[in-house]
Amino acid sequence: MRFVFEKSLSLHRLVSNQENTEEEYQYQGQIKGVIMPIKAEDLILSEGNPAKMFKLYTGFEVDLKETDKLLCDGVEYLVRNVRRLEFRALSHAEAIIYKPNS
């Protein structure tokens, strides 16, 4: 099975300001990915409300880290857990993402 990454997501990362007194999100670029509902076996990793949890599938080479923020179709998601799975042609990254409370 080959993944087709259809959605374009804006990636933002926490970066310290010049004085290192506080962190703020800075735009890092666009990535392609697919957002799917979370599966039952992933609930152990999520440790949160399953109604707000999703799984992101993206390319293996994508620089994705915990605490990154993703924006897709006007919806904000925060990255909680990232795994990289290497299976030759099926290599990809998976991340547990969630919608924060507004």
N, C-alpha and C. Protein backbone atom coordinates (compact mmCIF):
# COMPACT_ATOMS: atom_id res chain seq x y z
N MET A 1 0.83 -1.17 0.00
CA MET A 1 0.00 0.00 0.00
C MET A 1 0.88 1.24 0.00
N ARG A 2 0.58 2.19 -0.81
CA ARG A 2 1.34 3.43 -0.90
C ARG A 2 0.47 4.58 -0.41
N PHE A 3 1.04 5.43 0.42
CA PHE A 3 0.29 6.57 0.94
C PHE A 3 0.31 7.71 -0.07
N VAL A 4 -0.79 8.35 -0.23
CA VAL A 4 -0.90 9.53 -1.08
C VAL A 4 -1.19 10.70 -0.13
N PHE A 5 -0.26 11.60 -0.02
CA PHE A 5 -0.42 12.71 0.89
C PHE A 5 -1.15 13.84 0.18
N GLU A 6 -2.40 14.08 0.55
CA GLU A 6 -3.26 14.97 -0.19
C GLU A 6 -3.37 16.37 0.39
N LYS A 7 -3.33 16.51 1.69
CA LYS A 7 -3.54 17.82 2.32
C LYS A 7 -2.23 18.59 2.42
N SER A 8 -2.34 19.90 2.30
CA SER A 8 -1.21 20.78 2.53
C SER A 8 -1.38 21.38 3.91
N LEU A 9 -0.36 21.24 4.75
CA LEU A 9 -0.42 21.73 6.13
C LEU A 9 0.70 22.74 6.36
N SER A 10 0.39 23.79 7.09
CA SER A 10 1.41 24.78 7.47
C SER A 10 2.06 24.31 8.76
N LEU A 11 3.38 24.23 8.75
CA LEU A 11 4.14 23.78 9.91
C LEU A 11 4.72 24.99 10.64
N HIS A 12 4.46 25.06 11.96
CA HIS A 12 4.98 26.13 12.81
C HIS A 12 5.73 25.47 13.97
N ARG A 13 6.88 26.04 14.35
CA ARG A 13 7.70 25.47 15.41
C ARG A 13 8.00 26.51 16.48
N LEU A 14 8.02 26.05 17.74
CA LEU A 14 8.37 26.95 18.85
C LEU A 14 9.84 27.33 18.75
N VAL A 15 10.10 28.64 18.75
CA VAL A 15 11.46 29.16 18.64
C VAL A 15 11.65 30.23 19.70
N SER A 16 12.80 30.24 20.36
CA SER A 16 13.10 31.27 21.36
C SER A 16 13.37 32.60 20.68
N ASN A 17 12.96 33.69 21.35
CA ASN A 17 13.24 35.00 20.79
C ASN A 17 14.70 35.37 21.05
N GLN A 18 15.12 36.54 20.62
CA GLN A 18 16.52 36.96 20.72
C GLN A 18 17.04 36.96 22.16
N GLU A 19 16.18 37.35 23.10
CA GLU A 19 16.60 37.42 24.50
C GLU A 19 16.43 36.10 25.24
N ASN A 20 15.92 35.06 24.56
CA ASN A 20 15.65 33.75 25.17
C ASN A 20 14.72 33.85 26.37
N THR A 21 13.83 34.84 26.37
CA THR A 21 12.91 34.99 27.49
C THR A 21 11.60 34.26 27.28
N GLU A 22 11.20 34.08 26.03
CA GLU A 22 9.95 33.37 25.75
C GLU A 22 10.04 32.72 24.38
N GLU A 23 9.16 31.76 24.15
CA GLU A 23 9.11 31.07 22.87
C GLU A 23 7.83 31.46 22.14
N GLU A 24 7.91 31.48 20.83
CA GLU A 24 6.73 31.74 20.01
C GLU A 24 6.82 30.87 18.76
N TYR A 25 5.66 30.62 18.17
CA TYR A 25 5.61 29.79 16.97
C TYR A 25 6.04 30.60 15.75
N GLN A 26 6.94 30.01 14.95
CA GLN A 26 7.37 30.62 13.69
C GLN A 26 7.06 29.66 12.55
N TYR A 27 6.63 30.22 11.43
CA TYR A 27 6.30 29.44 10.25
C TYR A 27 7.56 28.76 9.72
N GLN A 28 7.47 27.44 9.46
CA GLN A 28 8.61 26.66 8.96
C GLN A 28 8.44 26.21 7.52
N GLY A 29 7.20 26.23 7.02
CA GLY A 29 6.97 25.81 5.64
C GLY A 29 5.73 24.95 5.53
N GLN A 30 5.50 24.45 4.33
CA GLN A 30 4.36 23.60 4.03
C GLN A 30 4.81 22.14 3.98
N ILE A 31 3.96 21.24 4.48
CA ILE A 31 4.20 19.81 4.34
C ILE A 31 2.93 19.19 3.77
N LYS A 32 3.06 18.01 3.22
CA LYS A 32 1.91 17.26 2.71
C LYS A 32 1.63 16.12 3.68
N GLY A 33 0.36 15.83 3.90
CA GLY A 33 0.01 14.76 4.82
C GLY A 33 -1.46 14.38 4.71
N VAL A 34 -1.81 13.33 5.42
CA VAL A 34 -3.19 12.87 5.51
C VAL A 34 -3.55 12.81 6.99
N ILE A 35 -4.69 13.39 7.35
CA ILE A 35 -5.17 13.36 8.73
C ILE A 35 -6.31 12.35 8.81
N MET A 36 -6.15 11.37 9.69
CA MET A 36 -7.13 10.29 9.84
C MET A 36 -7.60 10.23 11.29
N PRO A 37 -8.78 9.65 11.53
CA PRO A 37 -9.22 9.43 12.91
C PRO A 37 -8.23 8.50 13.62
N ILE A 38 -8.12 8.66 14.92
CA ILE A 38 -7.20 7.83 15.70
C ILE A 38 -7.78 6.42 15.88
N LYS A 39 -6.90 5.42 15.86
CA LYS A 39 -7.33 4.04 16.05
C LYS A 39 -7.29 3.68 17.53
N ALA A 40 -7.98 2.63 17.89
CA ALA A 40 -8.06 2.20 19.30
C ALA A 40 -6.68 1.90 19.87
N GLU A 41 -5.78 1.27 19.09
CA GLU A 41 -4.46 0.91 19.64
C GLU A 41 -3.58 2.14 19.86
N ASP A 42 -3.92 3.26 19.24
CA ASP A 42 -3.14 4.48 19.43
C ASP A 42 -3.59 5.28 20.64
N LEU A 43 -4.68 4.90 21.27
CA LEU A 43 -5.17 5.63 22.44
C LEU A 43 -4.17 5.61 23.58
N ILE A 44 -3.36 4.55 23.67
CA ILE A 44 -2.35 4.47 24.73
C ILE A 44 -1.34 5.59 24.58
N LEU A 45 -0.95 5.91 23.34
CA LEU A 45 0.01 6.99 23.10
C LEU A 45 -0.60 8.37 23.27
N SER A 46 -1.91 8.48 23.07
CA SER A 46 -2.53 9.80 23.03
C SER A 46 -2.73 10.43 24.39
N GLU A 47 -3.12 9.65 25.39
CA GLU A 47 -3.35 10.16 26.75
C GLU A 47 -4.22 11.41 26.77
N GLY A 48 -5.27 11.42 25.99
CA GLY A 48 -6.13 12.58 25.94
C GLY A 48 -7.53 12.21 25.51
N ASN A 49 -8.27 13.19 25.09
CA ASN A 49 -9.64 13.00 24.65
C ASN A 49 -9.64 12.45 23.22
N PRO A 50 -10.10 11.20 23.02
CA PRO A 50 -10.08 10.63 21.67
C PRO A 50 -10.89 11.41 20.65
N ALA A 51 -11.86 12.18 21.10
CA ALA A 51 -12.68 12.97 20.17
C ALA A 51 -11.87 14.09 19.53
N LYS A 52 -10.79 14.52 20.18
CA LYS A 52 -9.96 15.60 19.65
C LYS A 52 -8.64 15.10 19.07
N MET A 53 -8.44 13.78 19.07
CA MET A 53 -7.18 13.19 18.64
C MET A 53 -7.28 12.67 17.21
N PHE A 54 -6.18 12.80 16.47
CA PHE A 54 -6.11 12.33 15.10
C PHE A 54 -4.72 11.78 14.85
N LYS A 55 -4.56 11.12 13.71
CA LYS A 55 -3.25 10.61 13.32
C LYS A 55 -2.88 11.25 11.99
N LEU A 56 -1.67 11.75 11.92
CA LEU A 56 -1.14 12.36 10.71
C LEU A 56 -0.15 11.40 10.08
N TYR A 57 -0.31 11.14 8.80
CA TYR A 57 0.65 10.36 8.02
C TYR A 57 1.32 11.33 7.06
N THR A 58 2.64 11.31 7.03
CA THR A 58 3.39 12.21 6.16
C THR A 58 4.67 11.52 5.70
N GLY A 59 5.46 12.19 4.90
CA GLY A 59 6.69 11.62 4.37
C GLY A 59 7.74 11.36 5.44
N PHE A 60 8.55 10.34 5.24
CA PHE A 60 9.59 9.96 6.18
C PHE A 60 10.58 11.10 6.42
N GLU A 61 10.86 11.87 5.38
CA GLU A 61 11.88 12.92 5.44
C GLU A 61 11.38 14.21 6.07
N VAL A 62 10.10 14.32 6.37
CA VAL A 62 9.53 15.56 6.92
C VAL A 62 10.08 15.78 8.34
N ASP A 63 10.58 17.00 8.59
CA ASP A 63 11.13 17.36 9.89
C ASP A 63 9.98 17.78 10.80
N LEU A 64 9.44 16.81 11.52
CA LEU A 64 8.29 17.04 12.39
C LEU A 64 8.70 16.69 13.82
N LYS A 65 8.39 17.57 14.77
CA LYS A 65 8.78 17.36 16.16
C LYS A 65 7.59 17.56 17.08
N GLU A 66 7.68 16.95 18.27
CA GLU A 66 6.64 17.17 19.28
C GLU A 66 6.58 18.65 19.60
N THR A 67 5.43 19.14 19.89
CA THR A 67 5.08 20.54 20.19
C THR A 67 4.95 21.40 18.93
N ASP A 68 5.22 20.86 17.73
CA ASP A 68 4.98 21.63 16.51
C ASP A 68 3.49 21.89 16.39
N LYS A 69 3.15 22.97 15.69
CA LYS A 69 1.75 23.31 15.43
C LYS A 69 1.51 23.18 13.93
N LEU A 70 0.39 22.56 13.58
CA LEU A 70 0.00 22.40 12.18
C LEU A 70 -1.32 23.12 11.95
N LEU A 71 -1.43 23.79 10.83
CA LEU A 71 -2.68 24.44 10.44
C LEU A 71 -3.14 23.82 9.12
N CYS A 72 -4.39 23.36 9.11
CA CYS A 72 -4.95 22.73 7.92
C CYS A 72 -6.41 23.12 7.79
N ASP A 73 -6.77 23.77 6.70
CA ASP A 73 -8.15 24.18 6.44
C ASP A 73 -8.73 24.99 7.60
N GLY A 74 -7.93 25.86 8.19
CA GLY A 74 -8.39 26.71 9.28
C GLY A 74 -8.44 26.05 10.65
N VAL A 75 -8.02 24.79 10.74
CA VAL A 75 -8.03 24.05 12.01
C VAL A 75 -6.59 23.92 12.52
N GLU A 76 -6.41 24.16 13.81
CA GLU A 76 -5.10 24.07 14.44
C GLU A 76 -4.94 22.73 15.15
N TYR A 77 -3.78 22.10 14.94
CA TYR A 77 -3.44 20.84 15.61
C TYR A 77 -2.06 20.99 16.25
N LEU A 78 -1.86 20.34 17.39
CA LEU A 78 -0.55 20.28 18.02
C LEU A 78 -0.04 18.84 17.94
N VAL A 79 1.25 18.70 17.69
CA VAL A 79 1.87 17.38 17.54
C VAL A 79 2.23 16.86 18.92
N ARG A 80 1.82 15.64 19.20
CA ARG A 80 2.08 15.05 20.50
C ARG A 80 3.15 13.95 20.44
N ASN A 81 3.11 13.10 19.44
CA ASN A 81 4.01 11.95 19.37
C ASN A 81 4.36 11.69 17.92
N VAL A 82 5.64 11.51 17.61
CA VAL A 82 6.09 11.27 16.23
C VAL A 82 6.84 9.95 16.17
N ARG A 83 6.48 9.14 15.19
CA ARG A 83 7.21 7.88 14.92
C ARG A 83 7.58 7.84 13.45
N ARG A 84 8.76 7.34 13.16
CA ARG A 84 9.20 7.17 11.77
C ARG A 84 9.31 5.67 11.51
N LEU A 85 8.60 5.23 10.49
CA LEU A 85 8.55 3.82 10.15
C LEU A 85 9.21 3.62 8.79
N GLU A 86 10.22 2.75 8.74
CA GLU A 86 10.99 2.56 7.52
C GLU A 86 10.74 1.15 6.98
N PHE A 87 9.98 1.08 5.89
CA PHE A 87 9.66 -0.19 5.23
C PHE A 87 9.92 -0.07 3.73
N ARG A 88 11.13 0.28 3.35
CA ARG A 88 11.51 0.47 1.95
C ARG A 88 10.58 1.45 1.26
N ALA A 89 9.76 1.00 0.33
CA ALA A 89 8.88 1.91 -0.43
C ALA A 89 7.76 2.49 0.43
N LEU A 90 7.49 1.91 1.58
CA LEU A 90 6.40 2.37 2.44
C LEU A 90 6.87 3.22 3.61
N SER A 91 8.08 3.70 3.57
CA SER A 91 8.59 4.52 4.67
C SER A 91 7.75 5.78 4.83
N HIS A 92 7.41 6.09 6.07
CA HIS A 92 6.60 7.27 6.34
C HIS A 92 6.74 7.66 7.81
N ALA A 93 6.24 8.82 8.13
CA ALA A 93 6.20 9.28 9.52
C ALA A 93 4.74 9.32 9.95
N GLU A 94 4.50 8.96 11.21
CA GLU A 94 3.17 9.01 11.81
C GLU A 94 3.26 9.90 13.03
N ALA A 95 2.25 10.70 13.24
CA ALA A 95 2.21 11.56 14.42
C ALA A 95 0.82 11.57 15.01
N ILE A 96 0.75 11.50 16.33
CA ILE A 96 -0.51 11.72 17.03
C ILE A 96 -0.66 13.22 17.16
N ILE A 97 -1.75 13.77 16.67
CA ILE A 97 -2.00 15.20 16.75
C ILE A 97 -3.35 15.43 17.44
N TYR A 98 -3.52 16.60 18.01
CA TYR A 98 -4.78 16.89 18.68
C TYR A 98 -5.16 18.35 18.50
N LYS A 99 -6.47 18.60 18.63
CA LYS A 99 -6.99 19.96 18.58
C LYS A 99 -6.95 20.50 20.00
N PRO A 100 -6.20 21.58 20.23
CA PRO A 100 -6.16 22.14 21.58
C PRO A 100 -7.47 22.82 21.93
N ASN A 101 -7.71 23.00 23.21
CA ASN A 101 -8.91 23.74 23.65
C ASN A 101 -8.78 25.19 23.23
N SER A 102 -9.84 25.73 22.71
CA SER A 102 -9.80 27.13 22.24
C SER A 102 -10.04 28.10 23.36
